N, C-alpha and C. Protein backbone atom coordinates (compact mmCIF):
# COMPACT_ATOMS: atom_id res chain seq x y z
N MET A 1 54.17 -43.21 47.51
CA MET A 1 52.98 -43.26 48.34
C MET A 1 52.53 -44.71 48.59
N GLN A 2 53.02 -45.61 47.76
CA GLN A 2 52.59 -46.99 47.91
C GLN A 2 52.86 -47.57 49.30
N PRO A 3 54.03 -47.31 49.91
CA PRO A 3 54.23 -47.84 51.27
C PRO A 3 53.19 -47.33 52.27
N LEU A 4 52.78 -46.07 52.13
CA LEU A 4 51.75 -45.52 53.01
C LEU A 4 50.42 -46.22 52.76
N TYR A 5 50.07 -46.40 51.50
CA TYR A 5 48.81 -47.08 51.18
C TYR A 5 48.79 -48.52 51.73
N GLU A 6 49.93 -49.19 51.67
CA GLU A 6 49.99 -50.56 52.20
C GLU A 6 49.80 -50.58 53.71
N LEU A 7 50.41 -49.62 54.42
CA LEU A 7 50.20 -49.52 55.87
C LEU A 7 48.72 -49.28 56.18
N LEU A 8 48.11 -48.37 55.43
CA LEU A 8 46.71 -48.04 55.66
C LEU A 8 45.80 -49.23 55.35
N GLU A 9 46.16 -49.99 54.33
CA GLU A 9 45.38 -51.19 54.00
C GLU A 9 45.42 -52.21 55.13
N ARG A 10 46.59 -52.40 55.71
CA ARG A 10 46.69 -53.34 56.84
C ARG A 10 45.91 -52.83 58.05
N TYR A 11 45.96 -51.53 58.30
CA TYR A 11 45.20 -50.95 59.40
C TYR A 11 43.69 -51.16 59.17
N ALA A 12 43.25 -51.00 57.94
CA ALA A 12 41.84 -51.10 57.59
C ALA A 12 41.26 -52.48 57.86
N GLN A 13 42.09 -53.50 57.93
CA GLN A 13 41.62 -54.87 58.11
C GLN A 13 41.20 -55.18 59.54
N ARG A 14 41.43 -54.25 60.48
CA ARG A 14 41.09 -54.51 61.89
C ARG A 14 39.60 -54.66 62.14
N ASP A 15 38.86 -53.67 61.67
CA ASP A 15 37.41 -53.65 61.92
C ASP A 15 36.78 -52.58 61.04
N PRO A 16 35.45 -52.51 60.98
CA PRO A 16 34.80 -51.52 60.10
C PRO A 16 35.17 -50.07 60.41
N ALA A 17 35.33 -49.71 61.68
CA ALA A 17 35.69 -48.33 62.03
C ALA A 17 37.10 -48.01 61.53
N ALA A 18 38.01 -48.96 61.66
CA ALA A 18 39.37 -48.76 61.16
C ALA A 18 39.36 -48.62 59.64
N ALA A 19 38.53 -49.38 58.98
CA ALA A 19 38.44 -49.30 57.52
C ALA A 19 37.96 -47.92 57.07
N ILE A 20 37.01 -47.36 57.79
CA ILE A 20 36.49 -46.02 57.45
C ILE A 20 37.59 -44.97 57.63
N LEU A 21 38.30 -45.03 58.75
CA LEU A 21 39.35 -44.06 59.01
C LEU A 21 40.49 -44.20 58.00
N ALA A 22 40.90 -45.42 57.71
CA ALA A 22 41.96 -45.64 56.72
C ALA A 22 41.53 -45.11 55.35
N ALA A 23 40.27 -45.28 55.00
CA ALA A 23 39.77 -44.76 53.72
C ALA A 23 39.85 -43.24 53.67
N ARG A 24 39.58 -42.58 54.79
CA ARG A 24 39.72 -41.12 54.85
C ARG A 24 41.17 -40.71 54.60
N PHE A 25 42.13 -41.44 55.20
CA PHE A 25 43.55 -41.14 54.99
C PHE A 25 43.92 -41.32 53.52
N VAL A 26 43.47 -42.42 52.92
CA VAL A 26 43.78 -42.68 51.52
C VAL A 26 43.19 -41.58 50.63
N ALA A 27 41.95 -41.19 50.89
CA ALA A 27 41.32 -40.13 50.09
C ALA A 27 42.09 -38.82 50.23
N PHE A 28 42.51 -38.50 51.44
CA PHE A 28 43.30 -37.28 51.66
C PHE A 28 44.61 -37.34 50.89
N ALA A 29 45.31 -38.47 50.97
CA ALA A 29 46.60 -38.61 50.29
C ALA A 29 46.43 -38.53 48.77
N ARG A 30 45.40 -39.14 48.25
CA ARG A 30 45.18 -39.11 46.79
C ARG A 30 44.79 -37.71 46.31
N ALA A 31 44.09 -36.96 47.14
CA ALA A 31 43.67 -35.61 46.78
C ALA A 31 44.79 -34.58 46.94
N ASN A 32 45.82 -34.95 47.71
CA ASN A 32 46.91 -34.02 47.99
C ASN A 32 48.25 -34.73 47.76
N LYS A 33 48.73 -34.67 46.54
CA LYS A 33 49.95 -35.40 46.18
C LYS A 33 51.16 -34.95 47.00
N ASP A 34 51.09 -33.75 47.59
CA ASP A 34 52.18 -33.24 48.43
C ASP A 34 51.90 -33.46 49.92
N CYS A 35 51.06 -34.43 50.25
CA CYS A 35 50.60 -34.64 51.63
C CYS A 35 51.72 -35.03 52.59
N LEU A 36 52.88 -35.45 52.08
CA LEU A 36 54.00 -35.80 52.95
C LEU A 36 54.86 -34.58 53.32
N LEU A 37 54.49 -33.44 52.80
CA LEU A 37 55.25 -32.21 53.05
C LEU A 37 54.44 -31.25 53.92
N ARG A 38 55.11 -30.57 54.82
CA ARG A 38 54.40 -29.62 55.70
C ARG A 38 53.87 -28.42 54.93
N SER A 39 54.31 -28.22 53.70
CA SER A 39 53.80 -27.13 52.87
C SER A 39 52.42 -27.43 52.30
N CYS A 40 51.92 -28.64 52.47
CA CYS A 40 50.57 -29.00 52.01
C CYS A 40 49.57 -28.22 52.88
N VAL A 41 48.90 -27.26 52.28
CA VAL A 41 48.12 -26.27 53.02
C VAL A 41 46.98 -26.84 53.86
N PRO A 42 46.14 -27.75 53.35
CA PRO A 42 45.03 -28.21 54.20
C PRO A 42 45.47 -29.06 55.38
N GLY A 43 46.67 -29.62 55.28
CA GLY A 43 47.19 -30.49 56.32
C GLY A 43 48.23 -31.41 55.72
N HIS A 44 48.77 -32.30 56.54
CA HIS A 44 49.80 -33.18 56.04
C HIS A 44 49.90 -34.43 56.90
N ILE A 45 50.51 -35.44 56.30
CA ILE A 45 50.76 -36.69 57.02
C ILE A 45 51.87 -36.43 58.04
N THR A 46 51.66 -36.90 59.26
CA THR A 46 52.68 -36.84 60.30
C THR A 46 52.89 -38.26 60.83
N ALA A 47 53.92 -38.43 61.64
CA ALA A 47 54.22 -39.75 62.20
C ALA A 47 54.55 -39.61 63.67
N SER A 48 54.02 -40.52 64.48
CA SER A 48 54.24 -40.49 65.92
C SER A 48 54.68 -41.85 66.41
N ALA A 49 55.22 -41.82 67.64
CA ALA A 49 55.69 -43.04 68.29
C ALA A 49 55.13 -43.11 69.70
N PHE A 50 54.40 -44.17 69.99
CA PHE A 50 54.00 -44.46 71.37
C PHE A 50 55.10 -45.37 71.89
N ILE A 51 55.95 -44.82 72.76
CA ILE A 51 57.17 -45.50 73.18
C ILE A 51 56.99 -46.15 74.54
N LEU A 52 57.23 -47.46 74.57
CA LEU A 52 57.18 -48.21 75.82
C LEU A 52 58.58 -48.36 76.39
N SER A 53 58.64 -48.48 77.71
CA SER A 53 59.91 -48.81 78.37
C SER A 53 60.30 -50.24 78.01
N ALA A 54 61.55 -50.58 78.28
CA ALA A 54 62.05 -51.92 77.93
C ALA A 54 61.25 -53.03 78.61
N ASP A 55 60.65 -52.74 79.78
CA ASP A 55 59.86 -53.76 80.49
C ASP A 55 58.35 -53.61 80.24
N ASP A 56 57.98 -52.75 79.31
CA ASP A 56 56.57 -52.55 78.90
C ASP A 56 55.66 -52.04 80.02
N THR A 57 56.21 -51.38 81.03
CA THR A 57 55.38 -50.90 82.14
C THR A 57 55.14 -49.39 82.12
N HIS A 58 55.90 -48.66 81.31
CA HIS A 58 55.80 -47.21 81.23
C HIS A 58 55.73 -46.77 79.77
N CYS A 59 55.21 -45.57 79.55
CA CYS A 59 55.28 -44.96 78.24
C CYS A 59 55.95 -43.59 78.38
N LEU A 60 56.59 -43.16 77.32
CA LEU A 60 57.30 -41.89 77.33
C LEU A 60 56.41 -40.82 76.72
N LEU A 61 56.19 -39.75 77.47
CA LEU A 61 55.43 -38.61 76.95
C LEU A 61 56.30 -37.36 77.00
N THR A 62 56.01 -36.45 76.08
CA THR A 62 56.66 -35.15 76.05
C THR A 62 55.63 -34.08 76.38
N HIS A 63 56.06 -33.08 77.13
CA HIS A 63 55.20 -31.91 77.31
C HIS A 63 55.55 -30.97 76.17
N HIS A 64 54.67 -30.95 75.17
CA HIS A 64 54.91 -30.26 73.91
C HIS A 64 54.96 -28.76 74.13
N ARG A 65 56.05 -28.13 73.70
CA ARG A 65 56.26 -26.70 73.94
C ARG A 65 55.19 -25.84 73.26
N LYS A 66 54.85 -26.11 72.01
CA LYS A 66 53.87 -25.29 71.29
C LYS A 66 52.44 -25.56 71.75
N LEU A 67 52.10 -26.83 71.95
CA LEU A 67 50.71 -27.19 72.27
C LEU A 67 50.43 -27.19 73.77
N GLN A 68 51.49 -27.17 74.59
CA GLN A 68 51.35 -27.12 76.05
C GLN A 68 50.49 -28.27 76.59
N ARG A 69 50.76 -29.47 76.05
CA ARG A 69 50.07 -30.69 76.50
C ARG A 69 51.04 -31.84 76.52
N TRP A 70 50.71 -32.85 77.33
CA TRP A 70 51.49 -34.09 77.35
C TRP A 70 51.00 -34.96 76.20
N LEU A 71 51.93 -35.37 75.34
CA LEU A 71 51.60 -36.14 74.14
C LEU A 71 52.70 -37.16 73.85
N GLN A 72 52.40 -38.07 72.92
CA GLN A 72 53.41 -38.97 72.40
C GLN A 72 54.39 -38.16 71.57
N LEU A 73 55.54 -38.74 71.27
CA LEU A 73 56.54 -38.06 70.47
C LEU A 73 56.22 -38.25 68.99
N GLY A 74 56.51 -37.24 68.19
CA GLY A 74 56.24 -37.35 66.77
C GLY A 74 56.34 -36.01 66.08
N GLY A 75 56.11 -36.03 64.78
CA GLY A 75 56.18 -34.79 64.03
C GLY A 75 56.02 -34.99 62.55
N HIS A 76 56.49 -34.02 61.80
CA HIS A 76 56.34 -34.01 60.34
C HIS A 76 57.21 -35.10 59.70
N VAL A 77 56.70 -35.67 58.61
CA VAL A 77 57.47 -36.69 57.91
C VAL A 77 58.45 -36.06 56.92
N ASP A 78 58.22 -34.80 56.55
CA ASP A 78 59.13 -34.05 55.67
C ASP A 78 59.51 -34.82 54.42
N GLY A 79 58.50 -35.38 53.77
CA GLY A 79 58.69 -36.05 52.49
C GLY A 79 59.11 -37.51 52.57
N GLU A 80 59.34 -38.03 53.77
CA GLU A 80 59.78 -39.43 53.93
C GLU A 80 58.62 -40.37 53.57
N PRO A 81 58.75 -41.16 52.49
CA PRO A 81 57.65 -42.05 52.09
C PRO A 81 57.45 -43.23 53.03
N LEU A 82 58.50 -43.62 53.78
CA LEU A 82 58.36 -44.68 54.78
C LEU A 82 58.07 -44.00 56.12
N VAL A 83 56.79 -43.79 56.41
CA VAL A 83 56.43 -42.98 57.57
C VAL A 83 56.93 -43.59 58.88
N GLN A 84 57.15 -44.92 58.92
CA GLN A 84 57.71 -45.52 60.12
C GLN A 84 59.13 -45.01 60.38
N GLN A 85 59.86 -44.71 59.31
CA GLN A 85 61.20 -44.14 59.47
C GLN A 85 61.12 -42.73 60.06
N ALA A 86 60.10 -41.98 59.64
CA ALA A 86 59.91 -40.64 60.21
C ALA A 86 59.56 -40.73 61.69
N ALA A 87 58.74 -41.73 62.06
CA ALA A 87 58.39 -41.91 63.48
C ALA A 87 59.63 -42.25 64.30
N LEU A 88 60.49 -43.10 63.77
CA LEU A 88 61.75 -43.44 64.45
C LEU A 88 62.65 -42.21 64.56
N ARG A 89 62.75 -41.44 63.48
CA ARG A 89 63.57 -40.23 63.50
C ARG A 89 63.08 -39.26 64.58
N GLU A 90 61.75 -39.05 64.62
CA GLU A 90 61.19 -38.15 65.62
C GLU A 90 61.41 -38.67 67.03
N ALA A 91 61.28 -39.97 67.23
CA ALA A 91 61.51 -40.55 68.56
C ALA A 91 62.95 -40.30 68.99
N ARG A 92 63.89 -40.46 68.08
CA ARG A 92 65.30 -40.23 68.41
C ARG A 92 65.58 -38.75 68.70
N GLU A 93 65.07 -37.89 67.82
CA GLU A 93 65.32 -36.45 67.99
C GLU A 93 64.70 -35.91 69.26
N GLU A 94 63.49 -36.35 69.59
CA GLU A 94 62.76 -35.77 70.70
C GLU A 94 63.04 -36.43 72.04
N SER A 95 63.68 -37.61 72.04
CA SER A 95 63.95 -38.30 73.31
C SER A 95 65.44 -38.35 73.64
N GLY A 96 66.29 -38.21 72.64
CA GLY A 96 67.72 -38.39 72.84
C GLY A 96 68.15 -39.85 72.81
N MET A 97 67.20 -40.76 72.89
CA MET A 97 67.51 -42.19 72.80
C MET A 97 67.69 -42.58 71.34
N GLN A 98 68.46 -43.62 71.10
CA GLN A 98 68.74 -44.03 69.72
C GLN A 98 68.27 -45.43 69.38
N GLN A 99 68.07 -46.27 70.38
CA GLN A 99 67.77 -47.67 70.11
C GLN A 99 66.33 -48.02 70.51
N PHE A 100 65.60 -48.50 69.51
CA PHE A 100 64.19 -48.88 69.69
C PHE A 100 63.90 -50.14 68.90
N ASP A 101 62.93 -50.88 69.36
CA ASP A 101 62.31 -51.93 68.56
C ASP A 101 60.99 -51.37 68.06
N LEU A 102 60.71 -51.61 66.79
CA LEU A 102 59.44 -51.24 66.19
C LEU A 102 58.55 -52.46 66.27
N LEU A 103 57.41 -52.35 66.96
CA LEU A 103 56.55 -53.50 67.21
C LEU A 103 55.32 -53.49 66.33
N SER A 104 54.84 -54.67 66.03
CA SER A 104 53.60 -54.82 65.28
C SER A 104 52.93 -56.11 65.72
N LEU A 105 51.67 -56.23 65.43
CA LEU A 105 50.92 -57.38 65.89
C LEU A 105 51.15 -58.61 65.02
N GLY A 106 51.22 -58.41 63.73
CA GLY A 106 51.34 -59.56 62.84
C GLY A 106 52.70 -59.66 62.19
N GLY A 107 52.74 -60.39 61.10
CA GLY A 107 53.98 -60.60 60.39
C GLY A 107 54.43 -59.41 59.57
N GLN A 108 53.55 -58.45 59.36
CA GLN A 108 53.89 -57.26 58.59
C GLN A 108 53.67 -56.02 59.45
N LEU A 109 54.44 -54.99 59.17
CA LEU A 109 54.32 -53.74 59.90
C LEU A 109 52.95 -53.13 59.69
N GLU A 110 52.37 -52.63 60.76
CA GLU A 110 51.12 -51.89 60.68
C GLU A 110 51.13 -50.79 61.72
N PRO A 111 50.36 -49.74 61.48
CA PRO A 111 50.28 -48.67 62.48
C PRO A 111 49.57 -49.14 63.74
N LEU A 112 50.00 -48.61 64.86
CA LEU A 112 49.29 -48.82 66.12
C LEU A 112 47.96 -48.09 66.10
N ASP A 113 47.97 -46.89 65.50
CA ASP A 113 46.81 -46.01 65.57
C ASP A 113 46.88 -45.01 64.42
N LEU A 114 45.73 -44.51 64.05
CA LEU A 114 45.61 -43.38 63.13
C LEU A 114 44.79 -42.31 63.83
N ASP A 115 45.13 -41.04 63.58
CA ASP A 115 44.38 -39.96 64.22
C ASP A 115 44.46 -38.72 63.34
N VAL A 116 43.34 -38.04 63.21
CA VAL A 116 43.29 -36.75 62.51
C VAL A 116 42.94 -35.70 63.56
N HIS A 117 43.79 -34.69 63.66
CA HIS A 117 43.52 -33.65 64.65
C HIS A 117 43.93 -32.27 64.10
N THR A 118 43.29 -31.26 64.64
CA THR A 118 43.52 -29.88 64.20
C THR A 118 44.68 -29.28 64.96
N ILE A 119 45.55 -28.61 64.21
CA ILE A 119 46.64 -27.83 64.79
C ILE A 119 46.23 -26.37 64.67
N PRO A 120 46.18 -25.66 65.80
CA PRO A 120 45.73 -24.26 65.75
C PRO A 120 46.69 -23.36 64.99
N ALA A 121 46.16 -22.25 64.48
CA ALA A 121 46.99 -21.25 63.81
C ALA A 121 48.03 -20.72 64.79
N ARG A 122 49.23 -20.48 64.27
CA ARG A 122 50.31 -19.97 65.12
C ARG A 122 51.30 -19.24 64.22
N LYS A 123 51.59 -17.99 64.57
CA LYS A 123 52.50 -17.15 63.78
C LYS A 123 52.09 -17.17 62.32
N GLN A 124 52.97 -17.63 61.42
CA GLN A 124 52.66 -17.62 59.98
C GLN A 124 51.85 -18.83 59.53
N ASP A 125 51.67 -19.83 60.39
CA ASP A 125 50.97 -21.05 60.00
C ASP A 125 49.47 -20.93 60.23
N ARG A 126 48.71 -21.26 59.20
CA ARG A 126 47.25 -21.30 59.33
C ARG A 126 46.84 -22.54 60.09
N GLU A 127 45.62 -22.55 60.61
CA GLU A 127 45.07 -23.78 61.20
C GLU A 127 45.07 -24.85 60.12
N HIS A 128 45.44 -26.06 60.49
CA HIS A 128 45.50 -27.15 59.52
C HIS A 128 45.35 -28.48 60.25
N LEU A 129 45.26 -29.55 59.49
CA LEU A 129 45.09 -30.88 60.06
C LEU A 129 46.40 -31.67 60.02
N HIS A 130 46.60 -32.45 61.06
CA HIS A 130 47.66 -33.46 61.06
C HIS A 130 46.99 -34.82 60.91
N TRP A 131 47.39 -35.54 59.89
CA TRP A 131 46.93 -36.89 59.61
C TRP A 131 48.01 -37.82 60.14
N ASP A 132 47.88 -38.20 61.41
CA ASP A 132 48.96 -38.83 62.15
C ASP A 132 48.91 -40.35 62.06
N VAL A 133 50.03 -40.94 61.60
CA VAL A 133 50.20 -42.39 61.54
C VAL A 133 51.12 -42.74 62.70
N ARG A 134 50.63 -43.59 63.62
CA ARG A 134 51.31 -43.84 64.88
C ARG A 134 51.81 -45.27 64.98
N PHE A 135 53.01 -45.41 65.53
CA PHE A 135 53.65 -46.72 65.64
C PHE A 135 53.99 -47.02 67.09
N LEU A 136 54.10 -48.30 67.39
CA LEU A 136 54.47 -48.75 68.73
C LEU A 136 55.96 -49.07 68.75
N LEU A 137 56.69 -48.40 69.64
CA LEU A 137 58.11 -48.61 69.81
C LEU A 137 58.40 -49.06 71.22
N ARG A 138 59.45 -49.85 71.35
CA ARG A 138 59.96 -50.23 72.68
C ARG A 138 61.40 -49.74 72.76
N ALA A 139 61.68 -48.93 73.78
CA ALA A 139 63.04 -48.41 73.97
C ALA A 139 63.93 -49.49 74.57
N HIS A 140 65.17 -49.54 74.13
CA HIS A 140 66.14 -50.44 74.74
C HIS A 140 66.55 -49.88 76.10
N LYS A 141 67.00 -50.76 76.98
CA LYS A 141 67.42 -50.38 78.33
C LYS A 141 68.65 -49.48 78.31
N GLY A 142 68.78 -48.71 79.41
CA GLY A 142 70.02 -48.00 79.68
C GLY A 142 70.28 -46.77 78.85
N GLN A 143 69.26 -46.16 78.29
CA GLN A 143 69.44 -44.96 77.49
C GLN A 143 68.98 -43.74 78.28
N ASP A 144 69.77 -42.68 78.22
CA ASP A 144 69.41 -41.45 78.89
C ASP A 144 68.48 -40.61 78.03
N LEU A 145 67.56 -39.92 78.68
CA LEU A 145 66.68 -38.99 77.97
C LEU A 145 67.36 -37.64 77.83
N VAL A 146 67.12 -37.00 76.69
CA VAL A 146 67.60 -35.64 76.44
C VAL A 146 66.40 -34.84 75.92
N ILE A 147 66.04 -33.81 76.64
CA ILE A 147 64.89 -32.99 76.26
C ILE A 147 65.26 -32.11 75.07
N SER A 148 64.46 -32.19 74.01
CA SER A 148 64.72 -31.38 72.81
C SER A 148 64.13 -29.99 72.99
N GLU A 149 64.46 -29.11 72.06
CA GLU A 149 63.93 -27.75 72.11
C GLU A 149 62.42 -27.70 71.84
N GLU A 150 61.85 -28.79 71.34
CA GLU A 150 60.41 -28.84 71.08
C GLU A 150 59.61 -29.19 72.33
N SER A 151 60.30 -29.55 73.42
CA SER A 151 59.63 -30.04 74.63
C SER A 151 59.96 -29.17 75.84
N ASN A 152 59.00 -29.11 76.74
CA ASN A 152 59.25 -28.54 78.06
C ASN A 152 59.80 -29.60 79.01
N ASP A 153 59.38 -30.86 78.78
CA ASP A 153 59.76 -31.94 79.67
C ASP A 153 59.52 -33.27 78.97
N LEU A 154 60.18 -34.31 79.45
CA LEU A 154 59.97 -35.71 79.03
C LEU A 154 59.80 -36.52 80.29
N ARG A 155 58.85 -37.47 80.27
CA ARG A 155 58.66 -38.32 81.46
C ARG A 155 58.22 -39.71 81.07
N TRP A 156 58.76 -40.68 81.83
CA TRP A 156 58.25 -42.05 81.76
C TRP A 156 57.05 -42.12 82.71
N ILE A 157 55.88 -42.44 82.16
CA ILE A 157 54.65 -42.49 82.93
C ILE A 157 54.23 -43.96 83.08
N PRO A 158 53.95 -44.41 84.30
CA PRO A 158 53.45 -45.79 84.44
C PRO A 158 52.15 -45.95 83.64
N LEU A 159 52.08 -46.99 82.84
CA LEU A 159 50.88 -47.20 82.01
C LEU A 159 49.61 -47.27 82.84
N VAL A 160 49.70 -47.86 84.03
CA VAL A 160 48.50 -47.99 84.87
C VAL A 160 48.05 -46.65 85.42
N GLN A 161 48.89 -45.63 85.38
CA GLN A 161 48.54 -44.30 85.88
C GLN A 161 48.37 -43.27 84.77
N LEU A 162 48.43 -43.69 83.53
CA LEU A 162 48.38 -42.75 82.42
C LEU A 162 47.12 -41.89 82.44
N GLY A 163 45.98 -42.49 82.75
CA GLY A 163 44.73 -41.74 82.79
C GLY A 163 44.71 -40.66 83.86
N ASP A 164 45.49 -40.81 84.91
CA ASP A 164 45.59 -39.78 85.94
C ASP A 164 46.47 -38.63 85.49
N PHE A 165 47.33 -38.90 84.53
CA PHE A 165 48.34 -37.94 84.11
C PHE A 165 47.94 -37.21 82.83
N CYS A 166 47.30 -37.91 81.93
CA CYS A 166 47.00 -37.39 80.60
C CYS A 166 45.55 -37.73 80.25
N GLN A 167 44.81 -36.74 79.79
CA GLN A 167 43.41 -36.95 79.42
C GLN A 167 43.19 -36.97 77.90
N GLU A 168 44.27 -36.95 77.14
CA GLU A 168 44.14 -36.98 75.68
C GLU A 168 43.55 -38.32 75.26
N GLU A 169 42.38 -38.29 74.65
CA GLU A 169 41.68 -39.52 74.28
C GLU A 169 42.52 -40.40 73.37
N SER A 170 43.24 -39.78 72.44
CA SER A 170 44.01 -40.59 71.49
C SER A 170 45.22 -41.25 72.17
N VAL A 171 45.80 -40.62 73.18
CA VAL A 171 46.91 -41.22 73.91
C VAL A 171 46.40 -42.42 74.72
N LEU A 172 45.25 -42.25 75.35
CA LEU A 172 44.66 -43.35 76.12
C LEU A 172 44.26 -44.50 75.19
N ARG A 173 43.81 -44.16 74.00
CA ARG A 173 43.46 -45.20 73.02
C ARG A 173 44.71 -45.99 72.61
N MET A 174 45.83 -45.29 72.43
CA MET A 174 47.07 -46.00 72.07
C MET A 174 47.52 -46.93 73.19
N ARG A 175 47.34 -46.49 74.43
CA ARG A 175 47.70 -47.37 75.56
C ARG A 175 46.88 -48.66 75.48
N GLN A 176 45.60 -48.54 75.21
CA GLN A 176 44.73 -49.71 75.16
C GLN A 176 45.12 -50.64 74.00
N THR A 177 45.37 -50.06 72.85
CA THR A 177 45.76 -50.88 71.70
C THR A 177 47.11 -51.54 71.94
N ALA A 178 48.05 -50.81 72.54
CA ALA A 178 49.36 -51.38 72.85
C ALA A 178 49.21 -52.56 73.82
N ALA A 179 48.35 -52.42 74.82
CA ALA A 179 48.13 -53.51 75.78
C ALA A 179 47.57 -54.74 75.07
N THR A 180 46.65 -54.53 74.14
CA THR A 180 46.08 -55.63 73.37
C THR A 180 47.16 -56.31 72.54
N TRP A 181 47.98 -55.51 71.88
CA TRP A 181 49.06 -56.08 71.05
C TRP A 181 50.01 -56.89 71.91
N LEU A 182 50.40 -56.36 73.06
CA LEU A 182 51.34 -57.08 73.93
C LEU A 182 50.74 -58.39 74.41
N ALA A 183 49.47 -58.37 74.76
CA ALA A 183 48.79 -59.59 75.23
C ALA A 183 48.69 -60.63 74.12
N ARG A 184 48.63 -60.16 72.87
CA ARG A 184 48.51 -61.08 71.73
C ARG A 184 49.85 -61.42 71.10
N GLY A 185 50.95 -60.96 71.72
CA GLY A 185 52.28 -61.34 71.24
C GLY A 185 52.85 -60.46 70.16
N ALA A 186 52.85 -59.14 70.37
CA ALA A 186 53.46 -58.22 69.40
C ALA A 186 54.90 -58.63 69.13
N VAL A 187 55.33 -58.44 67.88
CA VAL A 187 56.67 -58.86 67.48
C VAL A 187 57.45 -57.67 66.94
N THR A 188 58.77 -57.79 67.01
CA THR A 188 59.66 -56.75 66.47
C THR A 188 59.64 -56.80 64.95
N GLN A 189 59.56 -55.62 64.35
CA GLN A 189 59.57 -55.51 62.88
C GLN A 189 60.85 -54.81 62.45
N ASN A 190 61.29 -55.10 61.26
CA ASN A 190 62.38 -54.36 60.66
C ASN A 190 61.86 -52.98 60.31
N PRO A 191 62.49 -51.90 60.78
CA PRO A 191 61.98 -50.55 60.51
C PRO A 191 61.82 -50.23 59.05
N ALA A 192 62.51 -50.89 58.16
CA ALA A 192 62.40 -50.60 56.72
C ALA A 192 61.24 -51.34 56.07
N ASP A 193 60.55 -52.22 56.81
CA ASP A 193 59.44 -52.99 56.21
C ASP A 193 58.29 -52.08 55.80
C-alpha cells in the first residue's frame, strides 16, 4: 500500500481541497486492507487513464457498455499495488493500443485526478464506490484502436469540443488539469515509478 500512499501524498500537496480528498482516500485504504480488490464490499480502488493523442489535441473516450456513458478508460486494479500499472493495463486492454507515455507535472509520478463515484447495483453486485486514481497518458502515433467487449465505441474527441460531447464533470476536470500540466511542461515518467 505504500506506493499508493506516496501517490496520494504527492496529490495532497497541490492545494487544500486536494489534501482533503487525498486524506479521504488514505482513510478508506487504511480502513479496508483489501481495498485493491473488487471483492472489497464498500468499494475499491480503481485506476483510470485520461489518454491524449500524440499531438495533445484529442482525448480518447470509451462509450462504457455497462454505464452507457462516455468516459475515460479504466477499471479495477485487481490487487496491483502500483495503480499506475493498472491504469496502463486498462488503457491497453480497452483501446487496443500498446504504447503510451505516462505524464506527470514534476519529477515524481503523481495522479492527474482523484474521484470517488457510486457504481449502481447490477446483477449480483451491490451498489458500491469506486475510489478512482487517474493518470495522464499520451498515446504514441500510428496505433489502431480496437474496441473491447467493455465498450460500445471508442472515439478521439477534440479537447476543444469535449464539453459539447461529454458532460461528465470529472472528465471535464481532467481536461482542465491536463491542459495546465501541458502548459507547465509535463514530463514523461517511468511507469514503474
